[in-house]
């Protein structure tokens, strides 16, 4: 009995051990491959829930006619909302104003921050910290609070700006100046953020390049032209891309608080127009169609700017 039982127990050990080892190796490989995706899963989940899901709902809503009332049925209309939107003069006028606004903000977010950041390099010690704080402070002001203060400053007759210029002009409600006022206030707020980004870009440039150029006899203007600006080009392209994509959204609180798109739609850009279609005209389908076209249009613009950035920007690799 003892002689027969021993050979039966031995194969059990030799058969099960090799089978368990490949399973452990496979589990480790799967865990190693899946680990990055597990870390990314929360962020991807939030992107899907808060970005792609609403986008798909907007595309679906753009094919319906609905007045936002729960008791009113949604009527499918196909592409009629897009056709109707492209035939509206207000849509094309708002696109033109959006382009004018972006062009007006670029000096505040690219050119002027570059000049201020380069000038601040000569400031040293505690004065530099105070200088940075004064430049960045407007960016911390809430847009609604900034709108209220500037409306008081620009008030005709009693406002500080009007008294200083002596123009007796209603700057906020004049068709010829209302859009410029929105651009100037938005640029005043974004200036501090843009200067901070340029400061960070300048800090990332090694001082060895300037020292080597000075040894070779290069002037400060030549160093700026051939070293500083090329190496700062990725930062400047980032500011251009940020201005193009975000400035229409950032102007919305000022427009809604100060002018409500007026006077005579002089300050109505594309973002405010689609909000007006939805919550003033109660045409959800038309507003969704404008939002979809806006997403596609700015997506194309962003792709072009990224392509230009890859071709033009100089990276210190």
Foldseek 3Di string as FASTA:
>chain_A
DVVVVVVVVVVVVVPPVVVVVVVVVVVVVVCVVCVVVVVCVVVVVCCCVVPVVVLVVLVVLLQWWFLPDPVDDTHGNGNVLVVVLVPDPLQVVQAVLLVVLLVLLLCLQFVVLVVVLVVLVVPDDPVSVVVLCVQQVLLPDDLLVLLVLVQQLQPFPRHVVCVVVVPSDNQCADLVRNSVVLSVSLSSNCNSVSNVLLNVQQVPADPVQVVVCVVVPDDPVRCCVPPVCLSCLLSSLVSSLCSSPCVVVSSVSSCVNRPLCDDVNSNNHLVSVLVCCCPVVSGSNSSSSSVSVVVVVSVVVSVVSVVVCVVRHDHDD
